[in-house]
């Protein structure tokens, strides 16, 4: 399944050049493009049982981001 982030990374620059975007749309596209990448920083998760460490990239927390909203949907289903 193709992710929104992949589409924005591939076609976003060209789309922005050809179309005048409202500021909130450009901001959402930028957030989605950077979501869970090193551009937004990272943090280290450590397992309480075995001590294994895992690097997790920070999310954008934009309400229009499919990755961030999927977490919110999962929490509501619990």
PDB file of N, CA and C in Angstrom:
ATOM      1  N   UNK A   1       0.847  -1.177   0.000  1.00  0.00           N
ATOM      2  CA  UNK A   1       0.000   0.000   0.000  1.00  0.00           C
ATOM      3  C   UNK A   1       0.894   1.243   0.000  1.00  0.00           C
ATOM      4  N   UNK A   2       0.611   2.175  -0.867  1.00  0.00           N
ATOM      5  CA  UNK A   2       1.387   3.406  -0.962  1.00  0.00           C
ATOM      6  C   UNK A   2       0.935   4.359   0.137  1.00  0.00           C
ATOM      7  N   UNK A   3       1.900   4.977   0.813  1.00  0.00           N
ATOM      8  CA  UNK A   3       1.585   5.915   1.886  1.00  0.00           C
ATOM      9  C   UNK A   3       1.530   7.343   1.357  1.00  0.00           C
ATOM     10  N   UNK A   4       0.736   8.166   2.016  1.00  0.00           N
ATOM     11  CA  UNK A   4       0.623   9.577   1.668  1.00  0.00           C
ATOM     12  C   UNK A   4       1.995  10.248   1.687  1.00  0.00           C
ATOM     13  N   UNK A   5       2.819   9.888   2.661  1.00  0.00           N
ATOM     14  CA  UNK A   5       4.150  10.470   2.791  1.00  0.00           C
ATOM     15  C   UNK A   5       4.987  10.191   1.535  1.00  0.00           C
ATOM     16  N   UNK A   6       4.900   9.006   0.997  1.00  0.00           N
ATOM     17  CA  UNK A   6       5.641   8.641  -0.213  1.00  0.00           C
ATOM     18  C   UNK A   6       5.193   9.496  -1.391  1.00  0.00           C
ATOM     19  N   UNK A   7       3.906   9.712  -1.525  1.00  0.00           N
ATOM     20  CA  UNK A   7       3.363  10.520  -2.613  1.00  0.00           C
ATOM     21  C   UNK A   7       3.836  11.964  -2.489  1.00  0.00           C
ATOM     22  N   UNK A   8       3.773  12.502  -1.282  1.00  0.00           N
ATOM     23  CA  UNK A   8       4.195  13.888  -1.069  1.00  0.00           C
ATOM     24  C   UNK A   8       5.690  14.043  -1.328  1.00  0.00           C
ATOM     25  N   UNK A   9       6.484  13.083  -0.875  1.00  0.00           N
ATOM     26  CA  UNK A   9       7.925  13.160  -1.120  1.00  0.00           C
ATOM     27  C   UNK A   9       8.240  13.104  -2.613  1.00  0.00           C
ATOM     28  N   UNK A  10       7.481  12.311  -3.350  1.00  0.00           N
ATOM     29  CA  UNK A  10       7.764  12.133  -4.775  1.00  0.00           C
ATOM     30  C   UNK A  10       7.220  13.279  -5.632  1.00  0.00           C
ATOM     31  N   UNK A  11       6.018  13.740  -5.341  1.00  0.00           N
ATOM     32  CA  UNK A  11       5.350  14.709  -6.203  1.00  0.00           C
ATOM     33  C   UNK A  11       5.074  16.067  -5.556  1.00  0.00           C
ATOM     34  N   UNK A  12       5.308  16.197  -4.262  1.00  0.00           N
ATOM     35  CA  UNK A  12       4.943  17.410  -3.539  1.00  0.00           C
ATOM     36  C   UNK A  12       5.608  18.675  -4.036  1.00  0.00           C
ATOM     37  N   UNK A  13       6.895  18.615  -4.287  1.00  0.00           N
ATOM     38  CA  UNK A  13       7.618  19.814  -4.723  1.00  0.00           C
ATOM     39  C   UNK A  13       7.054  20.326  -6.048  1.00  0.00           C
ATOM     40  N   UNK A  14       6.872  19.426  -6.991  1.00  0.00           N
ATOM     41  CA  UNK A  14       6.331  19.808  -8.300  1.00  0.00           C
ATOM     42  C   UNK A  14       4.907  20.354  -8.159  1.00  0.00           C
ATOM     43  N   UNK A  15       4.115  19.715  -7.312  1.00  0.00           N
ATOM     44  CA  UNK A  15       2.737  20.157  -7.097  1.00  0.00           C
ATOM     45  C   UNK A  15       2.711  21.566  -6.516  1.00  0.00           C
ATOM     46  N   UNK A  16       3.584  21.835  -5.531  1.00  0.00           N
ATOM     47  CA  UNK A  16       3.644  23.157  -4.909  1.00  0.00           C
ATOM     48  C   UNK A  16       4.092  24.217  -5.896  1.00  0.00           C
ATOM     49  N   UNK A  17       4.978  23.857  -6.810  1.00  0.00           N
ATOM     50  CA  UNK A  17       5.455  24.807  -7.811  1.00  0.00           C
ATOM     51  C   UNK A  17       4.360  25.163  -8.820  1.00  0.00           C
ATOM     52  N   UNK A  18       3.499  24.215  -9.136  1.00  0.00           N
ATOM     53  CA  UNK A  18       2.460  24.426 -10.144  1.00  0.00           C
ATOM     54  C   UNK A  18       1.163  24.991  -9.571  1.00  0.00           C
ATOM     55  N   UNK A  19       0.995  24.898  -8.273  1.00  0.00           N
ATOM     56  CA  UNK A  19      -0.260  25.320  -7.647  1.00  0.00           C
ATOM     57  C   UNK A  19       0.015  26.251  -6.479  1.00  0.00           C
ATOM     58  N   UNK A  20      -0.824  27.266  -6.352  1.00  0.00           N
ATOM     59  CA  UNK A  20      -0.711  28.165  -5.207  1.00  0.00           C
ATOM     60  C   UNK A  20      -1.498  27.532  -4.053  1.00  0.00           C
ATOM     61  N   UNK A  21      -0.778  27.130  -3.021  1.00  0.00           N
ATOM     62  CA  UNK A  21      -1.425  26.455  -1.896  1.00  0.00           C
ATOM     63  C   UNK A  21      -1.736  27.431  -0.780  1.00  0.00           C
ATOM     64  N   UNK A  22      -2.821  27.182  -0.124  1.00  0.00           N
ATOM     65  CA  UNK A  22      -3.123  27.953   1.080  1.00  0.00           C
ATOM     66  C   UNK A  22      -2.100  27.547   2.134  1.00  0.00           C
ATOM     67  N   UNK A  23      -1.724  28.468   3.020  1.00  0.00           N
ATOM     68  CA  UNK A  23      -0.665  28.177   3.998  1.00  0.00           C
ATOM     69  C   UNK A  23      -0.908  26.936   4.846  1.00  0.00           C
ATOM     70  N   UNK A  24      -2.148  26.702   5.259  1.00  0.00           N
ATOM     71  CA  UNK A  24      -2.406  25.540   6.119  1.00  0.00           C
ATOM     72  C   UNK A  24      -2.228  24.225   5.360  1.00  0.00           C
ATOM     73  N   UNK A  25      -2.457  24.234   4.052  1.00  0.00           N
ATOM     74  CA  UNK A  25      -2.257  23.024   3.249  1.00  0.00           C
ATOM     75  C   UNK A  25      -0.771  22.757   3.064  1.00  0.00           C
ATOM     76  N   UNK A  26      -0.012  23.806   2.782  1.00  0.00           N
ATOM     77  CA  UNK A  26       1.445  23.658   2.641  1.00  0.00           C
ATOM     78  C   UNK A  26       2.061  23.178   3.955  1.00  0.00           C
ATOM     79  N   UNK A  27       1.546  23.694   5.067  1.00  0.00           N
ATOM     80  CA  UNK A  27       2.051  23.283   6.381  1.00  0.00           C
ATOM     81  C   UNK A  27       1.751  21.798   6.643  1.00  0.00           C
ATOM     82  N   UNK A  28       0.559  21.362   6.316  1.00  0.00           N
ATOM     83  CA  UNK A  28       0.184  19.950   6.513  1.00  0.00           C
ATOM     84  C   UNK A  28       1.034  19.036   5.638  1.00  0.00           C
ATOM     85  N   UNK A  29       1.247  19.436   4.387  1.00  0.00           N
ATOM     86  CA  UNK A  29       2.079  18.627   3.492  1.00  0.00           C
ATOM     87  C   UNK A  29       3.504  18.514   4.026  1.00  0.00           C
ATOM     88  N   UNK A  30       4.043  19.630   4.526  1.00  0.00           N
ATOM     89  CA  UNK A  30       5.392  19.615   5.095  1.00  0.00           C
ATOM     90  C   UNK A  30       5.483  18.715   6.316  1.00  0.00           C
ATOM     91  N   UNK A  31       4.463  18.762   7.156  1.00  0.00           N
ATOM     92  CA  UNK A  31       4.445  17.927   8.360  1.00  0.00           C
ATOM     93  C   UNK A  31       4.388  16.449   8.001  1.00  0.00           C
ATOM     94  N   UNK A  32       3.526  16.097   7.054  1.00  0.00           N
ATOM     95  CA  UNK A  32       3.384  14.705   6.640  1.00  0.00           C
ATOM     96  C   UNK A  32       4.687  14.197   6.033  1.00  0.00           C
ATOM     97  N   UNK A  33       5.340  15.040   5.251  1.00  0.00           N
ATOM     98  CA  UNK A  33       6.606  14.649   4.612  1.00  0.00           C
ATOM     99  C   UNK A  33       7.699  14.359   5.645  1.00  0.00           C
ATOM    100  N   UNK A  34       7.702  15.102   6.747  1.00  0.00           N
ATOM    101  CA  UNK A  34       8.751  14.948   7.762  1.00  0.00           C
ATOM    102  C   UNK A  34       8.398  13.945   8.864  1.00  0.00           C
ATOM    103  N   UNK A  35       7.147  13.518   8.918  1.00  0.00           N
ATOM    104  CA  UNK A  35       6.674  12.674  10.011  1.00  0.00           C
ATOM    105  C   UNK A  35       7.495  11.389  10.132  1.00  0.00           C
ATOM    106  N   UNK A  36       7.915  11.104  11.329  1.00  0.00           N
ATOM    107  CA  UNK A  36       8.696   9.904  11.675  1.00  0.00           C
ATOM    108  C   UNK A  36       9.963   9.753  10.838  1.00  0.00           C
ATOM    109  N   UNK A  37      10.629  10.900  10.635  1.00  0.00           N
ATOM    110  CA  UNK A  37      11.941  10.912   9.994  1.00  0.00           C
ATOM    111  C   UNK A  37      12.902  11.611  10.948  1.00  0.00           C
ATOM    112  N   UNK A  38      14.161  11.560  10.633  1.00  0.00           N
ATOM    113  CA  UNK A  38      15.165  12.214  11.464  1.00  0.00           C
ATOM    114  C   UNK A  38      15.005  13.721  11.531  1.00  0.00           C
ATOM    115  N   UNK A  39      14.270  14.307  10.585  1.00  0.00           N
ATOM    116  CA  UNK A  39      14.075  15.758  10.576  1.00  0.00           C
ATOM    117  C   UNK A  39      13.338  16.254  11.818  1.00  0.00           C
ATOM    118  N   UNK A  40      12.515  15.420  12.400  1.00  0.00           N
ATOM    119  CA  UNK A  40      11.768  15.817  13.596  1.00  0.00           C
ATOM    120  C   UNK A  40      12.404  15.283  14.879  1.00  0.00           C
ATOM    121  N   UNK A  41      13.563  14.688  14.750  1.00  0.00           N
ATOM    122  CA  UNK A  41      14.251  14.153  15.921  1.00  0.00           C
ATOM    123  C   UNK A  41      13.829  12.731  16.229  1.00  0.00           C
ATOM    124  N   UNK A  42      14.427  12.197  17.261  1.00  0.00           N
ATOM    125  CA  UNK A  42      14.161  10.809  17.640  1.00  0.00           C
ATOM    126  C   UNK A  42      14.298  10.653  19.142  1.00  0.00           C
ATOM    127  N   UNK A  43      13.866   9.515  19.620  1.00  0.00           N
ATOM    128  CA  UNK A  43      14.046   9.181  21.032  1.00  0.00           C
ATOM    129  C   UNK A  43      14.351   7.690  21.124  1.00  0.00           C
ATOM    130  N   UNK A  44      14.872   7.296  22.249  1.00  0.00           N
ATOM    131  CA  UNK A  44      15.270   5.909  22.449  1.00  0.00           C
ATOM    132  C   UNK A  44      14.272   5.211  23.361  1.00  0.00           C
ATOM    133  N   UNK A  45      13.749   4.099  22.900  1.00  0.00           N
ATOM    134  CA  UNK A  45      12.861   3.269  23.716  1.00  0.00           C
ATOM    135  C   UNK A  45      13.683   2.114  24.265  1.00  0.00           C
ATOM    136  N   UNK A  46      13.520   1.824  25.559  1.00  0.00           N
ATOM    137  CA  UNK A  46      14.266   0.741  26.198  1.00  0.00           C
ATOM    138  C   UNK A  46      13.280  -0.238  26.822  1.00  0.00           C
ATOM    139  N   UNK A  47      13.448  -1.517  26.511  1.00  0.00           N
ATOM    140  CA  UNK A  47      12.589  -2.559  27.067  1.00  0.00           C
ATOM    141  C   UNK A  47      12.884  -2.714  28.561  1.00  0.00           C
ATOM    142  N   UNK A  48      11.838  -2.692  29.374  1.00  0.00           N
ATOM    143  CA  UNK A  48      11.994  -2.846  30.825  1.00  0.00           C
ATOM    144  C   UNK A  48      12.476  -4.247  31.204  1.00  0.00           C
ATOM    145  N   UNK A  49      12.157  -5.241  30.381  1.00  0.00           N
ATOM    146  CA  UNK A  49      12.525  -6.628  30.695  1.00  0.00           C
ATOM    147  C   UNK A  49      13.943  -6.991  30.285  1.00  0.00           C
ATOM    148  N   UNK A  50      14.293  -6.715  29.023  1.00  0.00           N
ATOM    149  CA  UNK A  50      15.593  -7.186  28.534  1.00  0.00           C
ATOM    150  C   UNK A  50      16.611  -6.072  28.305  1.00  0.00           C
ATOM    151  N   UNK A  51      16.169  -4.825  28.356  1.00  0.00           N
ATOM    152  CA  UNK A  51      17.087  -3.709  28.165  1.00  0.00           C
ATOM    153  C   UNK A  51      17.382  -3.385  26.708  1.00  0.00           C
ATOM    154  N   UNK A  52      16.743  -4.089  25.802  1.00  0.00           N
ATOM    155  CA  UNK A  52      16.960  -3.829  24.376  1.00  0.00           C
ATOM    156  C   UNK A  52      16.537  -2.402  24.055  1.00  0.00           C
ATOM    157  N   UNK A  53      17.351  -1.733  23.228  1.00  0.00           N
ATOM    158  CA  UNK A  53      17.088  -0.343  22.869  1.00  0.00           C
ATOM    159  C   UNK A  53      16.647  -0.256  21.418  1.00  0.00           C
ATOM    160  N   UNK A  54      15.714   0.665  21.168  1.00  0.00           N
ATOM    161  CA  UNK A  54      15.216   0.892  19.818  1.00  0.00           C
ATOM    162  C   UNK A  54      15.053   2.392  19.611  1.00  0.00           C
ATOM    163  N   UNK A  55      15.527   2.876  18.472  1.00  0.00           N
ATOM    164  CA  UNK A  55      15.362   4.287  18.139  1.00  0.00           C
ATOM    165  C   UNK A  55      14.006   4.466  17.458  1.00  0.00           C
ATOM    166  N   UNK A  56      13.231   5.421  17.916  1.00  0.00           N
ATOM    167  CA  UNK A  56      11.940   5.740  17.311  1.00  0.00           C
ATOM    168  C   UNK A  56      11.963   7.204  16.891  1.00  0.00           C
ATOM    169  N   UNK A  57      11.569   7.461  15.651  1.00  0.00           N
ATOM    170  CA  UNK A  57      11.515   8.828  15.156  1.00  0.00           C
ATOM    171  C   UNK A  57      10.234   9.499  15.614  1.00  0.00           C
ATOM    172  N   UNK A  58      10.327  10.780  15.906  1.00  0.00           N
ATOM    173  CA  UNK A  58       9.186  11.541  16.406  1.00  0.00           C
ATOM    174  C   UNK A  58       8.162  11.791  15.301  1.00  0.00           C
ATOM    175  N   UNK A  59       6.908  11.850  15.699  1.00  0.00           N
ATOM    176  CA  UNK A  59       5.833  12.099  14.748  1.00  0.00           C
ATOM    177  C   UNK A  59       5.548  13.594  14.660  1.00  0.00           C
ATOM    178  N   UNK A  60       4.831  13.989  13.607  1.00  0.00           N
ATOM    179  CA  UNK A  60       4.527  15.407  13.389  1.00  0.00           C
ATOM    180  C   UNK A  60       3.337  15.875  14.226  1.00  0.00           C
ATOM    181  N   UNK A  61       2.466  14.969  14.593  1.00  0.00           N
ATOM    182  CA  UNK A  61       1.254  15.240  15.370  1.00  0.00           C
ATOM    183  C   UNK A  61       0.256  16.138  14.647  1.00  0.00           C
ATOM    184  N   UNK A  62       0.387  16.240  13.332  1.00  0.00           N
ATOM    185  CA  UNK A  62      -0.560  17.033  12.558  1.00  0.00           C
ATOM    186  C   UNK A  62      -1.856  16.247  12.425  1.00  0.00           C
ATOM    187  N   UNK A  63      -2.966  16.909  12.624  1.00  0.00           N
ATOM    188  CA  UNK A  63      -4.257  16.197  12.606  1.00  0.00           C
ATOM    189  C   UNK A  63      -4.619  15.659  11.235  1.00  0.00           C
ATOM    190  N   UNK A  64      -3.927  16.113  10.189  1.00  0.00           N
ATOM    191  CA  UNK A  64      -4.194  15.625   8.838  1.00  0.00           C
ATOM    192  C   UNK A  64      -3.270  14.487   8.437  1.00  0.00           C
ATOM    193  N   UNK A  65      -2.321  14.137   9.272  1.00  0.00           N
ATOM    194  CA  UNK A  65      -1.340  13.104   8.953  1.00  0.00           C
ATOM    195  C   UNK A  65      -1.943  11.708   9.157  1.00  0.00           C
ATOM    196  N   UNK A  66      -1.940  10.893   8.103  1.00  0.00           N
ATOM    197  CA  UNK A  66      -2.508   9.541   8.249  1.00  0.00           C
ATOM    198  C   UNK A  66      -1.778   8.685   9.281  1.00  0.00           C
ATOM    199  N   UNK A  67      -0.457   8.845   9.403  1.00  0.00           N
ATOM    200  CA  UNK A  67       0.293   8.044  10.380  1.00  0.00           C
ATOM    201  C   UNK A  67      -0.090   8.433  11.803  1.00  0.00           C
ATOM    202  N   UNK A  68      -0.174   9.703  12.056  1.00  0.00           N
ATOM    203  CA  UNK A  68      -0.506  10.152  13.413  1.00  0.00           C
ATOM    204  C   UNK A  68      -1.959   9.841  13.772  1.00  0.00           C
ATOM    205  N   UNK A  69      -2.848   9.981  12.824  1.00  0.00           N
ATOM    206  CA  UNK A  69      -4.254   9.721  13.097  1.00  0.00           C
ATOM    207  C   UNK A  69      -4.556   8.237  13.229  1.00  0.00           C
ATOM    208  N   UNK A  70      -3.729   7.382  12.632  1.00  0.00           N
ATOM    209  CA  UNK A  70      -3.957   5.933  12.797  1.00  0.00           C
ATOM    210  C   UNK A  70      -3.725   5.525  14.251  1.00  0.00           C
ATOM    211  N   UNK A  71      -2.767   6.157  14.900  1.00  0.00           N
ATOM    212  CA  UNK A  71      -2.518   5.889  16.320  1.00  0.00           C
ATOM    213  C   UNK A  71      -3.719   6.343  17.143  1.00  0.00           C
ATOM    214  N   UNK A  72      -4.243   7.523  16.835  1.00  0.00           N
ATOM    215  CA  UNK A  72      -5.407   8.030  17.566  1.00  0.00           C
ATOM    216  C   UNK A  72      -6.615   7.106  17.383  1.00  0.00           C
ATOM    217  N   UNK A  73      -6.801   6.598  16.158  1.00  0.00           N
ATOM    218  CA  UNK A  73      -7.911   5.673  15.901  1.00  0.00           C
ATOM    219  C   UNK A  73      -7.747   4.380  16.686  1.00  0.00           C
ATOM    220  N   UNK A  74      -6.511   3.856  16.744  1.00  0.00           N
ATOM    221  CA  UNK A  74      -6.261   2.633  17.486  1.00  0.00           C
ATOM    222  C   UNK A  74      -6.565   2.816  18.965  1.00  0.00           C
ATOM    223  N   UNK A  75      -6.200   3.961  19.525  1.00  0.00           N
ATOM    224  CA  UNK A  75      -6.446   4.208  20.942  1.00  0.00           C
ATOM    225  C   UNK A  75      -7.944   4.279  21.223  1.00  0.00           C
ATOM    226  N   UNK A  76      -8.716   4.788  20.279  1.00  0.00           N
ATOM    227  CA  UNK A  76     -10.171   4.876  20.462  1.00  0.00           C
ATOM    228  C   UNK A  76     -10.826   3.507  20.400  1.00  0.00           C
ATOM    229  N   UNK A  77     -10.246   2.587  19.650  1.00  0.00           N
ATOM    230  CA  UNK A  77     -10.808   1.243  19.498  1.00  0.00           C
ATOM    231  C   UNK A  77     -10.590   0.368  20.726  1.00  0.00           C
ATOM    232  N   UNK A  78      -9.680   0.756  21.582  1.00  0.00           N
ATOM    233  CA  UNK A  78      -9.334  -0.093  22.746  1.00  0.00           C
ATOM    234  C   UNK A  78     -10.403  -0.049  23.800  1.00  0.00           C
TER     235      UNK A  78
END
